[in-house]
Amino acid sequence: MIRTLVSLAVLAAILARAAAALEPASLEAFERRALADSPELAAARARLEAVRALAGAAGVFDDPELMVEARRIVPAGDRGPLEAMLVLEQPLPGRGQRAAARAVAAAEVALAEVELGRAEQRLLAGVRGDWAELYALDRELKALGEAHELLDLLVTSVSTLYGSGEQPLAAPLQAQLELSFHELEMEAAEARLIAASTRLAARLGAESLLGYQWIEALPFVSLQKIDPETAAPSAADVVVAERRVALAETRLEAARAARAVGWRVGGGLIAEEGMDPNLIARVGVELPIFRARRVEPAIAAAESELVAAREERRRAEVEARAELARWLAEGRRQEVAVRRYGEGVVPQASAALEAARIELVAGRAPFADAVTRFKEWFHARLDLARAEADRYVAWAEIEALLASPVPASPSGGNP
């Protein structure tokens, strides 16, 4: 027992000195770092730049062709004159095909931009969720540390009472068992804290977050007063789905524009040996003999893709409505829980524990009663921290659902 107390005192002193030297963790700084260094966002920005690069080539004419031809007419028994021809030809796409290609490229860029913005929002929601989890675990470890000290006092008291014959043999044995269970809970909480900090580090693109002092309090948040029915059509996932519908529509228009026949125009010079050169002009047109067999299946596929995109948009709205309702209900429930635990349960549990401790020391109550009050007090504090964290997570999820999916770095650079 004495060795355990000494070890805990030494550990507390080390942690206190280390905490004084650590940089305080900042949610705002972590959010900026996540937007700048996240591997997921770096990949999304690279994909956006790739789409933008391809969009610059949309609707560009095919290269012209330069042809040189030389021939000698050799009549029977005589050597004919030399004839040379120089012709430049330019293929021209069918009517509306260049505009359709540019429209498809613009729609692809618009979709890639909102997908990047949505990825940023989901990343921020994840960072805030991890932050809330770390807050709850940090509070749990602090409560465990304080509870360990209190449990040590109870163990000392019950050992003294057993020595004086005021408690049965089972009391000190139960006290030691409770202390062992409590130490196991501390080790489990430390492992969960390490796992949560590792998960947050991965979102930030960092190897570890060992150099930070953790959270003293969560930011104050207030749930929005919204109606899921009216808010769902403008939810972020619905906006992304609408961009996919717009892309499917432009691809269908491009597929239909492929029915138009292309042209080929050209001109040049033709010269015969010993004579002045002459100008020539050429005009050609594609013969759509096999076009229908190639284009009509593409049009049918594009029509099906458009139907699918519209159904996905409808599904996104239904899911957004359900998610908004779920997180609003959860957030309001946790707001009530925070108020009740903070104003009622925790103070009441503290008072009940103190009364049980006094009764135990006075020899008027068994150790089991004190243990029961101790567990109620301890879990009330944990439940309060968990309710605060869950309320913050609900707020973060609602913010992510309703945020406009515009990337923080629309030009593609780091914010």
Protein backbone atom coordinates (compact mmCIF):
# COMPACT_ATOMS: atom_id res chain seq x y z
CA MET A 1 0.00 0.00 0.00
CA ILE A 2 2.75 2.46 0.99
CA ARG A 3 4.72 1.55 -2.14
CA THR A 4 1.62 2.19 -4.31
CA LEU A 5 1.05 5.60 -2.71
CA VAL A 6 4.70 6.55 -3.19
CA SER A 7 4.64 5.45 -6.83
CA LEU A 8 1.48 7.45 -7.49
CA ALA A 9 2.98 10.52 -5.81
CA VAL A 10 6.14 10.27 -7.90
CA LEU A 11 4.09 9.76 -11.09
CA ALA A 12 1.89 12.75 -10.25
CA ALA A 13 4.95 14.94 -9.72
CA ILE A 14 6.47 13.84 -13.02
CA LEU A 15 3.23 14.46 -14.91
CA ALA A 16 2.83 17.87 -13.27
CA ARG A 17 6.32 18.94 -14.34
CA ALA A 18 5.77 17.52 -17.84
CA ALA A 19 2.40 19.25 -18.21
CA ALA A 20 4.00 22.58 -17.33
CA ALA A 21 6.39 22.14 -20.28
CA LEU A 22 3.83 20.85 -22.79
CA GLU A 23 2.17 23.00 -25.42
CA PRO A 24 -1.55 23.42 -24.68
CA ALA A 25 -3.65 21.60 -27.26
CA SER A 26 -5.79 23.87 -29.43
CA LEU A 27 -8.75 22.64 -31.42
CA GLU A 28 -8.49 25.57 -33.83
CA ALA A 29 -4.80 24.79 -34.46
CA PHE A 30 -5.59 21.11 -34.98
CA GLU A 31 -8.33 21.99 -37.47
CA ARG A 32 -5.92 24.19 -39.46
CA ARG A 33 -3.31 21.46 -39.38
CA ALA A 34 -5.82 18.85 -40.53
CA LEU A 35 -6.87 21.00 -43.49
CA ALA A 36 -3.23 21.62 -44.43
CA ASP A 37 -1.58 18.26 -43.80
CA SER A 38 -4.23 15.55 -44.02
CA PRO A 39 -3.19 12.85 -46.53
CA GLU A 40 -6.86 12.33 -47.43
CA LEU A 41 -7.29 15.99 -48.38
CA ALA A 42 -3.95 16.07 -50.19
CA ALA A 43 -5.17 13.22 -52.40
CA ALA A 44 -8.53 14.97 -52.97
CA ARG A 45 -6.77 18.20 -53.96
CA ALA A 46 -4.54 16.30 -56.38
CA ARG A 47 -7.63 14.71 -57.97
CA LEU A 48 -9.23 18.14 -58.28
CA GLU A 49 -6.14 19.53 -60.00
CA ALA A 50 -6.16 16.56 -62.38
CA VAL A 51 -9.78 17.25 -63.32
CA ARG A 52 -9.02 20.95 -63.80
CA ALA A 53 -6.06 20.12 -66.02
CA LEU A 54 -8.21 17.89 -68.22
CA ALA A 55 -10.94 20.54 -68.35
CA GLY A 56 -8.50 22.90 -70.05
CA ALA A 57 -8.32 20.53 -73.01
CA ALA A 58 -12.08 20.04 -73.37
CA GLY A 59 -13.52 21.09 -76.73
CA VAL A 60 -10.12 21.73 -78.33
CA PHE A 61 -9.98 21.07 -82.07
CA ASP A 62 -8.11 18.04 -83.36
CA ASP A 63 -4.77 18.79 -85.00
CA PRO A 64 -4.83 19.69 -88.70
CA GLU A 65 -3.18 17.42 -91.24
CA LEU A 66 -0.58 18.55 -93.77
CA MET A 67 -0.27 16.37 -96.83
CA VAL A 68 2.35 16.51 -99.60
CA GLU A 69 1.85 14.51 -102.76
CA ALA A 70 4.06 14.23 -105.82
CA ARG A 71 3.33 12.28 -108.95
CA ARG A 72 4.53 11.98 -112.54
CA ILE A 73 2.17 11.10 -115.31
CA VAL A 74 3.93 8.70 -117.64
CA PRO A 75 2.04 8.25 -120.87
CA ALA A 76 2.99 5.38 -123.16
CA GLY A 77 6.28 5.97 -124.88
CA ASP A 78 6.92 9.36 -123.29
CA ARG A 79 7.98 10.83 -119.93
CA GLY A 80 5.17 13.00 -118.51
CA PRO A 81 5.46 16.16 -116.41
CA LEU A 82 5.98 16.17 -112.61
CA GLU A 83 2.98 17.24 -110.55
CA ALA A 84 3.15 18.27 -106.84
CA MET A 85 0.34 18.98 -104.35
CA LEU A 86 0.43 20.56 -100.87
CA VAL A 87 -2.83 20.37 -98.85
CA LEU A 88 -3.74 21.38 -95.28
CA GLU A 89 -6.91 19.78 -93.85
CA GLN A 90 -8.74 20.46 -90.57
CA PRO A 91 -11.30 18.02 -89.11
CA LEU A 92 -14.30 19.76 -87.53
CA PRO A 93 -16.52 18.14 -84.87
CA GLY A 94 -20.27 17.95 -85.32
CA ARG A 95 -22.58 20.72 -84.26
CA GLY A 96 -22.66 21.22 -80.48
CA GLN A 97 -19.99 18.63 -79.71
CA ARG A 98 -17.32 21.10 -78.55
CA ALA A 99 -19.78 22.97 -76.31
CA ALA A 100 -21.01 19.67 -74.85
CA ALA A 101 -17.45 18.59 -74.08
CA ARG A 102 -16.76 21.89 -72.31
CA ALA A 103 -20.00 21.54 -70.32
CA VAL A 104 -19.04 18.04 -69.18
CA ALA A 105 -15.58 19.25 -68.13
CA ALA A 106 -17.06 22.18 -66.17
CA ALA A 107 -19.50 19.84 -64.42
CA GLU A 108 -16.67 17.46 -63.51
CA VAL A 109 -14.68 20.33 -61.98
CA ALA A 110 -17.73 21.55 -60.05
CA LEU A 111 -18.31 18.04 -58.67
CA ALA A 112 -14.64 17.59 -57.71
CA GLU A 113 -14.72 20.92 -55.87
CA VAL A 114 -17.74 20.08 -53.72
CA GLU A 115 -16.36 16.58 -53.08
CA LEU A 116 -13.19 18.20 -51.76
CA GLY A 117 -15.27 20.55 -49.63
CA ARG A 118 -17.31 17.65 -48.30
CA ALA A 119 -14.12 15.74 -47.48
CA GLU A 120 -12.90 18.79 -45.54
CA GLN A 121 -16.14 18.94 -43.58
CA ARG A 122 -16.10 15.25 -42.73
CA LEU A 123 -12.46 15.56 -41.67
CA LEU A 124 -13.29 18.51 -39.38
CA ALA A 125 -16.22 16.57 -37.91
CA GLY A 126 -13.86 13.67 -37.24
CA VAL A 127 -11.28 15.96 -35.61
CA ARG A 128 -13.96 17.49 -33.40
CA GLY A 129 -15.31 14.05 -32.50
CA ASP A 130 -11.83 12.87 -31.54
CA TRP A 131 -11.34 16.08 -29.57
CA ALA A 132 -14.54 15.40 -27.61
CA GLU A 133 -13.47 11.80 -27.03
CA LEU A 134 -10.11 12.97 -25.70
CA TYR A 135 -11.90 15.43 -23.42
CA ALA A 136 -14.08 12.66 -21.98
CA LEU A 137 -11.10 10.34 -21.52
CA ASP A 138 -9.01 13.09 -19.97
CA ARG A 139 -11.84 13.80 -17.54
CA GLU A 140 -12.11 10.10 -16.81
CA LEU A 141 -8.41 9.85 -15.99
CA LYS A 142 -8.62 12.89 -13.72
CA ALA A 143 -11.65 11.41 -11.98
CA LEU A 144 -9.86 8.09 -11.67
CA GLY A 145 -6.87 9.79 -10.08
CA GLU A 146 -9.03 11.62 -7.53
CA ALA A 147 -11.10 8.51 -6.93
CA HIS A 148 -7.96 6.48 -6.35
CA GLU A 149 -6.91 8.83 -3.57
CA LEU A 150 -10.37 8.66 -2.02
CA LEU A 151 -10.46 4.90 -2.34
CA ASP A 152 -7.09 4.70 -0.60
CA LEU A 153 -8.54 6.66 2.31
CA LEU A 154 -11.51 4.32 2.47
CA VAL A 155 -9.22 1.29 2.42
CA THR A 156 -7.13 2.78 5.22
CA SER A 157 -10.26 3.56 7.24
CA VAL A 158 -11.74 0.09 6.85
CA SER A 159 -8.42 -1.52 7.75
CA THR A 160 -8.31 0.51 10.93
CA LEU A 161 -11.92 -0.36 11.74
CA TYR A 162 -11.21 -4.05 11.13
CA GLY A 163 -8.26 -3.88 13.48
CA SER A 164 -10.51 -2.46 16.19
CA GLY A 165 -13.17 -5.10 15.54
CA GLU A 166 -15.72 -2.66 14.09
CA GLN A 167 -15.71 -4.22 10.59
CA PRO A 168 -15.74 -7.90 9.57
CA LEU A 169 -12.89 -9.65 7.78
CA ALA A 170 -14.68 -9.36 4.45
CA ALA A 171 -14.46 -5.55 4.58
CA PRO A 172 -10.67 -5.12 4.11
CA LEU A 173 -10.65 -7.91 1.52
CA GLN A 174 -13.41 -6.18 -0.44
CA ALA A 175 -11.54 -2.89 -0.10
CA GLN A 176 -8.40 -4.37 -1.63
CA LEU A 177 -10.46 -5.93 -4.42
CA GLU A 178 -12.10 -2.59 -5.23
CA LEU A 179 -8.66 -0.96 -5.30
CA SER A 180 -7.38 -3.60 -7.73
CA PHE A 181 -10.38 -3.15 -10.02
CA HIS A 182 -9.85 0.59 -9.91
CA GLU A 183 -6.23 0.28 -11.00
CA LEU A 184 -7.37 -1.88 -13.94
CA GLU A 185 -9.84 0.85 -14.94
CA MET A 186 -7.05 3.43 -14.89
CA GLU A 187 -4.91 1.29 -17.20
CA ALA A 188 -7.84 0.75 -19.58
CA ALA A 189 -8.61 4.49 -19.65
CA GLU A 190 -4.97 5.29 -20.45
CA ALA A 191 -5.05 2.79 -23.32
CA ARG A 192 -8.24 4.36 -24.71
CA LEU A 193 -6.66 7.82 -24.46
CA ILE A 194 -3.62 6.65 -26.42
CA ALA A 195 -5.88 5.07 -29.08
CA ALA A 196 -7.96 8.25 -29.42
CA SER A 197 -4.87 10.48 -29.68
CA THR A 198 -3.39 8.13 -32.28
CA ARG A 199 -6.59 8.31 -34.33
CA LEU A 200 -6.53 12.11 -34.16
CA ALA A 201 -2.86 12.15 -35.14
CA ALA A 202 -3.69 10.09 -38.23
CA ARG A 203 -6.34 12.63 -39.26
CA LEU A 204 -3.77 15.41 -38.86
CA GLY A 205 -1.11 13.56 -40.84
CA ALA A 206 1.10 13.50 -37.71
CA GLU A 207 3.01 10.62 -36.19
CA SER A 208 1.94 11.33 -32.60
CA LEU A 209 0.48 14.00 -30.30
CA LEU A 210 2.65 13.32 -27.30
CA GLY A 211 3.83 16.92 -27.05
CA TYR A 212 0.48 18.40 -26.08
CA GLN A 213 -1.30 19.10 -22.83
CA TRP A 214 -4.90 18.01 -23.14
CA ILE A 215 -8.20 19.75 -22.90
CA GLU A 216 -9.39 21.75 -19.93
CA ALA A 217 -12.86 22.40 -21.37
CA LEU A 218 -14.84 21.87 -24.56
CA PRO A 219 -15.87 24.94 -26.59
CA PHE A 220 -19.33 26.22 -25.73
CA VAL A 221 -21.81 25.19 -28.41
CA SER A 222 -25.50 25.75 -28.92
CA LEU A 223 -27.61 23.46 -31.08
CA GLN A 224 -29.24 25.15 -34.03
CA LYS A 225 -33.01 25.47 -34.03
CA ILE A 226 -33.72 23.86 -37.37
CA ASP A 227 -36.44 21.80 -38.97
CA PRO A 228 -35.03 18.68 -40.66
CA GLU A 229 -37.81 18.78 -43.25
CA THR A 230 -36.84 22.23 -44.51
CA ALA A 231 -33.08 21.94 -43.94
CA ALA A 232 -32.53 18.57 -45.62
CA PRO A 233 -32.83 19.78 -49.27
CA SER A 234 -29.86 22.12 -48.74
CA ALA A 235 -27.73 19.65 -46.76
CA ALA A 236 -24.15 19.17 -47.88
CA ASP A 237 -24.57 15.61 -49.16
CA VAL A 238 -27.63 16.70 -51.14
CA VAL A 239 -25.62 19.51 -52.77
CA VAL A 240 -22.96 16.98 -53.78
CA ALA A 241 -25.67 14.68 -55.18
CA GLU A 242 -27.11 17.58 -57.16
CA ARG A 243 -23.71 18.19 -58.74
CA ARG A 244 -23.64 14.54 -59.76
CA VAL A 245 -27.07 14.98 -61.34
CA ALA A 246 -25.78 18.03 -63.24
CA LEU A 247 -22.79 16.02 -64.47
CA ALA A 248 -25.03 13.18 -65.62
CA GLU A 249 -27.22 15.67 -67.50
CA THR A 250 -24.24 17.18 -69.33
CA ARG A 251 -22.94 13.72 -70.21
CA LEU A 252 -26.31 12.83 -71.68
CA GLU A 253 -26.25 16.02 -73.76
CA ALA A 254 -22.74 15.16 -74.92
CA ALA A 255 -23.86 11.66 -75.90
CA ARG A 256 -26.74 13.09 -77.93
CA ALA A 257 -24.45 15.65 -79.56
CA ALA A 258 -22.36 12.74 -80.86
CA ARG A 259 -25.16 12.06 -83.37
CA ALA A 260 -24.07 15.12 -85.36
CA VAL A 261 -21.80 14.36 -88.30
CA GLY A 262 -18.33 15.87 -88.49
CA TRP A 263 -16.73 17.77 -91.31
CA ARG A 264 -13.32 18.11 -92.89
CA VAL A 265 -12.19 21.26 -94.69
CA GLY A 266 -8.91 21.95 -96.39
CA GLY A 267 -7.05 23.85 -98.99
CA GLY A 268 -3.68 24.00 -100.71
CA LEU A 269 -1.67 24.31 -103.87
CA ILE A 270 -1.20 22.04 -106.87
CA ALA A 271 1.53 22.71 -109.37
CA GLU A 272 2.51 20.98 -112.58
CA GLU A 273 6.02 21.13 -113.97
CA GLY A 274 6.38 24.10 -116.29
CA MET A 275 3.00 25.63 -115.28
CA ASP A 276 1.72 28.08 -112.70
CA PRO A 277 0.40 26.64 -109.40
CA ASN A 278 -3.34 26.45 -108.77
CA LEU A 279 -5.32 26.80 -105.56
CA ILE A 280 -7.48 23.91 -104.43
CA ALA A 281 -10.20 23.64 -101.74
CA ARG A 282 -11.66 20.53 -100.14
CA VAL A 283 -14.79 19.88 -98.09
CA GLY A 284 -15.65 16.46 -96.69
CA VAL A 285 -18.37 15.09 -94.48
CA GLU A 286 -18.58 11.97 -92.36
CA LEU A 287 -20.93 9.27 -93.53
CA PRO A 288 -22.88 8.10 -90.44
CA ILE A 289 -23.22 4.55 -91.67
CA PHE A 290 -22.31 2.90 -88.34
CA ARG A 291 -22.92 5.90 -86.07
CA ALA A 292 -26.26 4.74 -84.67
CA ARG A 293 -24.79 1.40 -83.57
CA ARG A 294 -22.08 3.29 -81.69
CA VAL A 295 -23.96 6.34 -80.36
CA GLU A 296 -27.40 5.06 -79.40
CA PRO A 297 -26.13 2.59 -76.75
CA ALA A 298 -24.05 5.41 -75.25
CA ILE A 299 -27.16 7.61 -75.10
CA ALA A 300 -29.17 4.85 -73.42
CA ALA A 301 -26.39 4.35 -70.87
CA ALA A 302 -26.21 8.10 -70.17
CA GLU A 303 -29.99 8.20 -69.65
CA SER A 304 -29.75 5.36 -67.14
CA GLU A 305 -26.90 7.11 -65.35
CA LEU A 306 -29.04 10.24 -65.09
CA VAL A 307 -31.92 8.28 -63.59
CA ALA A 308 -29.51 6.71 -61.10
CA ALA A 309 -28.04 10.11 -60.17
CA ARG A 310 -31.51 11.54 -59.55
CA GLU A 311 -32.42 8.60 -57.35
CA GLU A 312 -29.14 9.02 -55.45
CA ARG A 313 -30.01 12.66 -54.92
CA ARG A 314 -33.41 11.66 -53.52
CA ARG A 315 -31.75 9.09 -51.26
CA ALA A 316 -29.24 11.70 -50.04
CA GLU A 317 -32.09 14.02 -49.05
CA VAL A 318 -33.92 11.25 -47.18
CA GLU A 319 -30.74 10.26 -45.33
CA ALA A 320 -29.88 13.89 -44.54
CA ARG A 321 -33.35 14.40 -43.07
CA ALA A 322 -32.97 11.29 -40.93
CA GLU A 323 -29.44 12.18 -39.82
CA LEU A 324 -30.45 15.73 -38.89
CA ALA A 325 -33.38 14.45 -36.85
CA ARG A 326 -31.18 11.86 -35.14
CA TRP A 327 -28.39 14.26 -34.20
CA LEU A 328 -30.82 16.96 -33.10
CA ALA A 329 -32.56 14.49 -30.79
CA GLU A 330 -29.23 13.23 -29.48
CA GLY A 331 -27.91 16.74 -28.93
CA ARG A 332 -31.01 17.84 -27.05
CA ARG A 333 -30.93 14.70 -24.94
CA GLN A 334 -27.32 15.34 -24.02
CA GLU A 335 -28.06 18.98 -23.22
CA VAL A 336 -30.64 17.81 -20.69
CA ALA A 337 -28.20 15.20 -19.34
CA VAL A 338 -25.44 17.80 -18.90
CA ARG A 339 -27.77 20.08 -16.96
CA ARG A 340 -29.13 17.29 -14.76
CA TYR A 341 -25.77 15.74 -14.02
CA GLY A 342 -24.05 19.08 -13.43
CA GLU A 343 -26.79 20.63 -11.29
CA GLY A 344 -28.22 17.55 -9.59
CA VAL A 345 -26.65 14.13 -9.88
CA VAL A 346 -22.98 14.99 -9.32
CA PRO A 347 -23.55 17.27 -6.27
CA GLN A 348 -26.00 14.76 -4.82
CA ALA A 349 -23.61 11.86 -5.35
CA SER A 350 -20.80 13.85 -3.73
CA ALA A 351 -22.95 14.61 -0.70
CA ALA A 352 -24.06 10.98 -0.42
CA LEU A 353 -20.46 9.77 -0.63
CA GLU A 354 -19.33 12.16 2.08
CA ALA A 355 -22.19 11.04 4.33
CA ALA A 356 -21.31 7.38 3.74
CA ARG A 357 -17.66 8.06 4.53
CA ILE A 358 -18.59 9.73 7.82
CA GLU A 359 -20.91 6.85 8.72
CA LEU A 360 -18.16 4.33 7.87
CA VAL A 361 -15.54 6.11 10.00
CA ALA A 362 -18.03 6.33 12.85
CA GLY A 363 -18.67 2.60 12.58
CA ARG A 364 -22.37 3.03 11.87
CA ALA A 365 -22.39 1.66 8.29
CA PRO A 366 -20.75 -1.29 6.51
CA PHE A 367 -18.01 -0.80 3.96
CA ALA A 368 -20.33 -2.03 1.20
CA ASP A 369 -22.48 1.08 1.58
CA ALA A 370 -19.46 3.34 1.19
CA VAL A 371 -18.37 1.40 -1.91
CA THR A 372 -21.83 1.79 -3.44
CA ARG A 373 -21.83 5.56 -2.83
CA PHE A 374 -18.27 5.75 -4.17
CA LYS A 375 -19.23 4.04 -7.42
CA GLU A 376 -22.28 6.29 -7.82
CA TRP A 377 -20.12 9.40 -7.33
CA PHE A 378 -17.42 8.18 -9.70
CA HIS A 379 -19.77 7.14 -12.52
CA ALA A 380 -21.79 10.35 -12.16
CA ARG A 381 -18.65 12.33 -12.96
CA LEU A 382 -17.83 10.08 -15.90
CA ASP A 383 -21.38 10.32 -17.22
CA LEU A 384 -21.24 14.12 -17.01
CA ALA A 385 -18.03 14.25 -19.05
CA ARG A 386 -19.44 11.76 -21.56
CA ALA A 387 -22.67 13.79 -21.92
CA GLU A 388 -20.63 16.97 -22.53
CA ALA A 389 -18.57 15.16 -25.18
CA ASP A 390 -21.62 13.62 -26.87
CA ARG A 391 -23.38 16.99 -26.97
CA TYR A 392 -20.34 18.47 -28.70
CA VAL A 393 -20.19 15.56 -31.18
CA ALA A 394 -23.88 16.09 -32.02
CA TRP A 395 -23.21 19.77 -32.69
CA ALA A 396 -20.19 18.91 -34.89
CA GLU A 397 -22.19 16.39 -36.92
CA ILE A 398 -25.05 18.86 -37.47
CA GLU A 399 -22.54 21.51 -38.56
CA ALA A 400 -21.00 19.07 -41.03
CA LEU A 401 -24.42 18.09 -42.39
CA LEU A 402 -25.53 21.68 -42.95
CA ALA A 403 -22.25 23.28 -44.03
CA SER A 404 -21.95 24.45 -47.61
CA PRO A 405 -19.56 21.99 -49.35
CA VAL A 406 -17.18 24.66 -50.61
CA PRO A 407 -13.53 23.73 -50.12
CA ALA A 408 -11.45 25.89 -47.81
CA SER A 409 -8.80 26.03 -50.55
CA PRO A 410 -10.73 26.33 -53.85
CA SER A 411 -7.53 27.02 -55.78
CA GLY A 412 -6.15 23.67 -54.68
CA GLY A 413 -3.36 24.99 -52.44
CA ASN A 414 -2.97 24.43 -48.76
CA PRO A 415 -5.18 26.69 -46.62
